[in-house]
Structure formats: C-alpha cells, structure tokens
C-alpha cells in the first residue's frame, strides 16, 4: 500500500509574480526561502514557508490563462489555513485591504471559518483550529 507522509508543497501560478509574492509574504506572513528566475521560461519561482515549513511554490509564466474557480468548478476548490481566532485574522486582513466573506460556522464541527481570495482570485479559507 502507498504510504504518503504529508503534503510537500502547493504550486501556485501567479499572473503578476511580484504582486502575489507581496500578498503571500507581506499580508499572509509567509517567508521567502529561495527565489530563482528561469530565463529559458521567462519565469520566476519562489519557495514560500509558513512558520518555517516549506509550503508554496509560487510561479510566474508569461501570458497565463485565467482558471475558472467559481462557482464550484471541478479541480482544486480552495486552500485552507488554520488560525487560532478567525475574527482576529479577518481584522488583520481587512486592515490590509483584503476583502473577506462574512464569518460562518461549520455545521459539522461548530468551528468558525471564512473565505477570501489571493490576487488571482484563488479562493483561500481561514478555519479556526
């Protein structure tokens, strides 16, 4: 039987690499571990960590097509981040100009959660641990 250990990373392609890097690092608090420009592809690749754990590969490519993500398109639905307090996290995002949906309660767990989007409209979720 296959034994997976954990998710190694999530790859995100950004329409505007610098804008998305600022969003993930300056607003969400990721740190940039490494960054490389790949001239043969005219592409940037940044490795982002959250609390010291490598998590996101942020890419850029010229002329990327938009991906349908809403309403409920097939494929990756959203990325969810665990937080200690959803209300406090929403306040922090709103103070930096990020629009968040109203906080809801998960009917199965009773935990609060909300959604917001990255600069390319990738749905992101905050879920209270």
Foldseek 3Di string as FASTA:
>chain_A
DDDDDDDQEAEDEDQDQVQLVCCCCVQVNWDWPDWDQDVVQRKIWTFTHDPPHTYYIYMYGHPDDQDDAPPPDPDDNAAEDEDQDAVVSVVSNVVVPWDKDDWDADPVPRWIKIWTAGPSRGIYMYTYD
